[in-house]
Amino acid sequence: MKKIVFAILLGSTSIWGWAQNVLDSASVKPSIHFTTTEIDYGAIPQNSNGERVFEFTNTDSKPLILTNVVASCGCTATEWPREPIKPGERGTITVRYNTSTIGTFRKSIRVFTNSNTEPVLLIIKGEVKPSNPESNQTKNQK
């Protein structure tokens, strides 16, 4: 009987250790921390400056490499550092939205790194308003 109890205790301890390792690996924090992952342009005039900047920090103990930064459409251009970001250092991703089209927008930017299998998702949103609504009304009435 003592052998059976001992075997059960030993087996449950092994399972507990395995489960804890799985939980620990699942809770690995990303090595990139953004000040914000969403920028709201608000209401902006047509053809205005569509450039915004996302700031991030390498929170890991090894260099961070951005392997790719992909916008959800051709109306958004991105610029990001190609050199490794040292531990504790900061970097920026510049996003340029084409403000020539009137209307609301919500675009995503996926950031791929050497440390995470899943990309970090950044969002830009807002509304482009006609730069001079009165002149557009006059043109429409003629």
C-alpha atoms as a PDB file:
ATOM      1  CA  MET A   1       0.000   0.000   0.000  1.00  0.00           C
ATOM      2  CA  LYS A   2       2.834   2.385   0.852  1.00  0.00           C
ATOM      3  CA  LYS A   3       4.360   1.776  -2.579  1.00  0.00           C
ATOM      4  CA  ILE A   4       1.098   2.657  -4.313  1.00  0.00           C
ATOM      5  CA  VAL A   5       0.677   5.899  -2.344  1.00  0.00           C
ATOM      6  CA  PHE A   6       4.315   6.780  -3.005  1.00  0.00           C
ATOM      7  CA  ALA A   7       3.887   6.117  -6.745  1.00  0.00           C
ATOM      8  CA  ILE A   8       0.764   8.301  -6.867  1.00  0.00           C
ATOM      9  CA  LEU A   9       2.509  11.140  -5.031  1.00  0.00           C
ATOM     10  CA  LEU A  10       5.575  10.882  -7.286  1.00  0.00           C
ATOM     11  CA  GLY A  11       3.413  10.853 -10.423  1.00  0.00           C
ATOM     12  CA  SER A  12       1.323  13.833  -9.328  1.00  0.00           C
ATOM     13  CA  THR A  13       4.489  15.788  -8.463  1.00  0.00           C
ATOM     14  CA  SER A  14       5.868  15.098 -11.946  1.00  0.00           C
ATOM     15  CA  ILE A  15       2.613  16.153 -13.580  1.00  0.00           C
ATOM     16  CA  TRP A  16       2.519  19.317 -11.433  1.00  0.00           C
ATOM     17  CA  GLY A  17       6.089  20.199 -12.508  1.00  0.00           C
ATOM     18  CA  TRP A  18       5.238  19.629 -16.186  1.00  0.00           C
ATOM     19  CA  ALA A  19       2.052  21.710 -15.921  1.00  0.00           C
ATOM     20  CA  GLN A  20       3.948  24.541 -14.230  1.00  0.00           C
ATOM     21  CA  ASN A  21       6.531  24.545 -17.065  1.00  0.00           C
ATOM     22  CA  VAL A  22       3.740  24.748 -19.633  1.00  0.00           C
ATOM     23  CA  LEU A  23       2.107  27.638 -17.765  1.00  0.00           C
ATOM     24  CA  ASP A  24       5.439  29.449 -17.411  1.00  0.00           C
ATOM     25  CA  SER A  25       6.209  29.162 -21.135  1.00  0.00           C
ATOM     26  CA  ALA A  26       2.693  30.308 -22.036  1.00  0.00           C
ATOM     27  CA  SER A  27       3.068  33.438 -19.932  1.00  0.00           C
ATOM     28  CA  VAL A  28       6.273  34.618 -21.617  1.00  0.00           C
ATOM     29  CA  LYS A  29       5.939  38.361 -22.019  1.00  0.00           C
ATOM     30  CA  PRO A  30       6.712  39.995 -25.335  1.00  0.00           C
ATOM     31  CA  SER A  31      10.099  41.689 -25.530  1.00  0.00           C
ATOM     32  CA  ILE A  32       8.608  44.785 -27.153  1.00  0.00           C
ATOM     33  CA  HIS A  33       6.498  47.261 -25.214  1.00  0.00           C
ATOM     34  CA  PHE A  34       4.646  50.046 -27.039  1.00  0.00           C
ATOM     35  CA  THR A  35       3.732  53.309 -25.308  1.00  0.00           C
ATOM     36  CA  THR A  36       0.396  52.910 -27.098  1.00  0.00           C
ATOM     37  CA  THR A  37      -0.864  50.431 -29.699  1.00  0.00           C
ATOM     38  CA  GLU A  38      -3.602  52.712 -31.027  1.00  0.00           C
ATOM     39  CA  ILE A  39      -3.463  56.241 -32.385  1.00  0.00           C
ATOM     40  CA  ASP A  40      -6.658  58.175 -32.999  1.00  0.00           C
ATOM     41  CA  TYR A  41      -6.144  60.966 -35.532  1.00  0.00           C
ATOM     42  CA  GLY A  42      -9.528  62.404 -34.667  1.00  0.00           C
ATOM     43  CA  ALA A  43     -11.066  64.596 -37.374  1.00  0.00           C
ATOM     44  CA  ILE A  44      -8.362  65.896 -39.707  1.00  0.00           C
ATOM     45  CA  PRO A  45      -8.549  67.995 -42.896  1.00  0.00           C
ATOM     46  CA  GLN A  46      -8.119  66.391 -46.297  1.00  0.00           C
ATOM     47  CA  ASN A  47      -4.505  66.389 -47.538  1.00  0.00           C
ATOM     48  CA  SER A  48      -3.176  67.173 -44.045  1.00  0.00           C
ATOM     49  CA  ASN A  49      -0.132  65.567 -42.464  1.00  0.00           C
ATOM     50  CA  GLY A  50      -0.964  61.876 -41.966  1.00  0.00           C
ATOM     51  CA  GLU A  51       2.282  61.022 -40.185  1.00  0.00           C
ATOM     52  CA  ARG A  52       2.183  59.558 -36.678  1.00  0.00           C
ATOM     53  CA  VAL A  53       4.791  57.755 -34.561  1.00  0.00           C
ATOM     54  CA  PHE A  54       4.511  54.655 -32.387  1.00  0.00           C
ATOM     55  CA  GLU A  55       7.228  54.467 -29.700  1.00  0.00           C
ATOM     56  CA  PHE A  56       8.449  51.181 -28.245  1.00  0.00           C
ATOM     57  CA  THR A  57      11.052  49.803 -25.827  1.00  0.00           C
ATOM     58  CA  ASN A  58      13.011  46.552 -25.938  1.00  0.00           C
ATOM     59  CA  THR A  59      12.113  44.962 -22.585  1.00  0.00           C
ATOM     60  CA  ASP A  60      14.177  41.805 -23.124  1.00  0.00           C
ATOM     61  CA  SER A  61      17.768  41.036 -22.164  1.00  0.00           C
ATOM     62  CA  LYS A  62      18.792  40.393 -25.787  1.00  0.00           C
ATOM     63  CA  PRO A  63      18.686  42.557 -28.933  1.00  0.00           C
ATOM     64  CA  LEU A  64      15.286  43.044 -30.549  1.00  0.00           C
ATOM     65  CA  ILE A  65      15.012  42.891 -34.329  1.00  0.00           C
ATOM     66  CA  LEU A  66      11.948  44.068 -36.195  1.00  0.00           C
ATOM     67  CA  THR A  67      11.784  41.573 -39.047  1.00  0.00           C
ATOM     68  CA  ASN A  68       8.834  43.181 -40.838  1.00  0.00           C
ATOM     69  CA  VAL A  69       6.165  45.844 -40.389  1.00  0.00           C
ATOM     70  CA  VAL A  70       3.110  45.397 -42.615  1.00  0.00           C
ATOM     71  CA  ALA A  71       0.220  47.834 -43.096  1.00  0.00           C
ATOM     72  CA  SER A  72      -3.242  46.505 -43.925  1.00  0.00           C
ATOM     73  CA  CYS A  73      -3.489  48.527 -47.152  1.00  0.00           C
ATOM     74  CA  GLY A  74      -1.500  50.591 -49.636  1.00  0.00           C
ATOM     75  CA  CYS A  75      -2.897  53.820 -48.178  1.00  0.00           C
ATOM     76  CA  THR A  76      -0.537  53.462 -45.207  1.00  0.00           C
ATOM     77  CA  ALA A  77       3.253  53.518 -45.427  1.00  0.00           C
ATOM     78  CA  THR A  78       5.597  52.480 -42.616  1.00  0.00           C
ATOM     79  CA  GLU A  79       9.185  53.165 -41.601  1.00  0.00           C
ATOM     80  CA  TRP A  80      10.965  51.181 -38.885  1.00  0.00           C
ATOM     81  CA  PRO A  81      14.512  50.607 -37.620  1.00  0.00           C
ATOM     82  CA  ARG A  82      16.414  47.891 -39.485  1.00  0.00           C
ATOM     83  CA  GLU A  83      19.234  47.660 -36.938  1.00  0.00           C
ATOM     84  CA  PRO A  84      18.841  45.656 -33.687  1.00  0.00           C
ATOM     85  CA  ILE A  85      17.443  47.541 -30.704  1.00  0.00           C
ATOM     86  CA  LYS A  86      19.597  46.877 -27.634  1.00  0.00           C
ATOM     87  CA  PRO A  87      18.012  45.813 -24.335  1.00  0.00           C
ATOM     88  CA  GLY A  88      16.348  48.766 -22.627  1.00  0.00           C
ATOM     89  CA  GLU A  89      16.640  50.999 -25.704  1.00  0.00           C
ATOM     90  CA  ARG A  90      13.743  52.721 -27.434  1.00  0.00           C
ATOM     91  CA  GLY A  91      12.738  52.838 -31.056  1.00  0.00           C
ATOM     92  CA  THR A  92       9.981  54.224 -33.240  1.00  0.00           C
ATOM     93  CA  ILE A  93       7.751  53.102 -36.077  1.00  0.00           C
ATOM     94  CA  THR A  94       6.562  55.936 -38.305  1.00  0.00           C
ATOM     95  CA  VAL A  95       3.191  55.502 -39.997  1.00  0.00           C
ATOM     96  CA  ARG A  96       1.981  57.715 -42.854  1.00  0.00           C
ATOM     97  CA  TYR A  97      -1.691  57.565 -43.731  1.00  0.00           C
ATOM     98  CA  ASN A  98      -2.734  59.017 -47.097  1.00  0.00           C
ATOM     99  CA  THR A  99      -5.192  61.758 -46.133  1.00  0.00           C
ATOM    100  CA  SER A 100      -6.366  62.515 -49.682  1.00  0.00           C
ATOM    101  CA  THR A 101      -9.447  60.284 -49.359  1.00  0.00           C
ATOM    102  CA  ILE A 102     -12.387  61.715 -47.397  1.00  0.00           C
ATOM    103  CA  GLY A 103     -14.103  59.531 -44.807  1.00  0.00           C
ATOM    104  CA  THR A 104     -13.499  57.459 -41.716  1.00  0.00           C
ATOM    105  CA  PHE A 105     -10.642  54.997 -41.571  1.00  0.00           C
ATOM    106  CA  ARG A 106      -9.329  52.242 -39.324  1.00  0.00           C
ATOM    107  CA  LYS A 107      -6.116  50.551 -40.418  1.00  0.00           C
ATOM    108  CA  SER A 108      -3.920  47.943 -38.789  1.00  0.00           C
ATOM    109  CA  ILE A 109      -0.160  47.556 -38.823  1.00  0.00           C
ATOM    110  CA  ARG A 110       1.392  44.200 -37.907  1.00  0.00           C
ATOM    111  CA  VAL A 111       4.843  44.274 -36.302  1.00  0.00           C
ATOM    112  CA  PHE A 112       6.919  41.092 -36.590  1.00  0.00           C
ATOM    113  CA  THR A 113       9.981  40.595 -34.362  1.00  0.00           C
ATOM    114  CA  ASN A 114      12.670  38.017 -33.670  1.00  0.00           C
ATOM    115  CA  SER A 115      11.219  37.245 -30.229  1.00  0.00           C
ATOM    116  CA  ASN A 116       7.483  36.702 -30.735  1.00  0.00           C
ATOM    117  CA  THR A 117       5.773  34.216 -32.996  1.00  0.00           C
ATOM    118  CA  GLU A 118       2.651  36.378 -33.138  1.00  0.00           C
ATOM    119  CA  PRO A 119       2.857  39.921 -34.535  1.00  0.00           C
ATOM    120  CA  VAL A 120       2.000  42.937 -32.411  1.00  0.00           C
ATOM    121  CA  LEU A 121      -1.057  44.720 -33.813  1.00  0.00           C
ATOM    122  CA  LEU A 122      -1.035  48.519 -34.034  1.00  0.00           C
ATOM    123  CA  ILE A 123      -4.141  50.523 -35.006  1.00  0.00           C
ATOM    124  CA  ILE A 124      -4.602  53.958 -36.566  1.00  0.00           C
ATOM    125  CA  LYS A 125      -8.055  55.466 -36.933  1.00  0.00           C
ATOM    126  CA  GLY A 126      -9.772  58.754 -37.588  1.00  0.00           C
ATOM    127  CA  GLU A 127     -11.824  60.719 -40.055  1.00  0.00           C
ATOM    128  CA  VAL A 128     -10.618  62.782 -42.987  1.00  0.00           C
ATOM    129  CA  LYS A 129     -12.875  65.799 -43.540  1.00  0.00           C
ATOM    130  CA  PRO A 130     -13.005  67.982 -46.669  1.00  0.00           C
ATOM    131  CA  SER A 131     -10.367  70.689 -46.330  1.00  0.00           C
ATOM    132  CA  ASN A 132     -12.834  73.407 -47.348  1.00  0.00           C
ATOM    133  CA  PRO A 133     -16.416  72.138 -47.059  1.00  0.00           C
ATOM    134  CA  GLU A 134     -17.949  75.407 -48.296  1.00  0.00           C
ATOM    135  CA  SER A 135     -16.095  75.306 -51.609  1.00  0.00           C
ATOM    136  CA  ASN A 136     -17.174  71.669 -52.114  1.00  0.00           C
ATOM    137  CA  GLN A 137     -20.824  72.627 -51.494  1.00  0.00           C
ATOM    138  CA  THR A 138     -20.582  75.469 -54.011  1.00  0.00           C
ATOM    139  CA  LYS A 139     -19.140  73.119 -56.644  1.00  0.00           C
ATOM    140  CA  ASN A 140     -21.930  70.580 -56.028  1.00  0.00           C
ATOM    141  CA  GLN A 141     -24.664  73.226 -56.407  1.00  0.00           C
ATOM    142  CA  LYS A 142     -23.437  74.416 -59.838  1.00  0.00           C
END
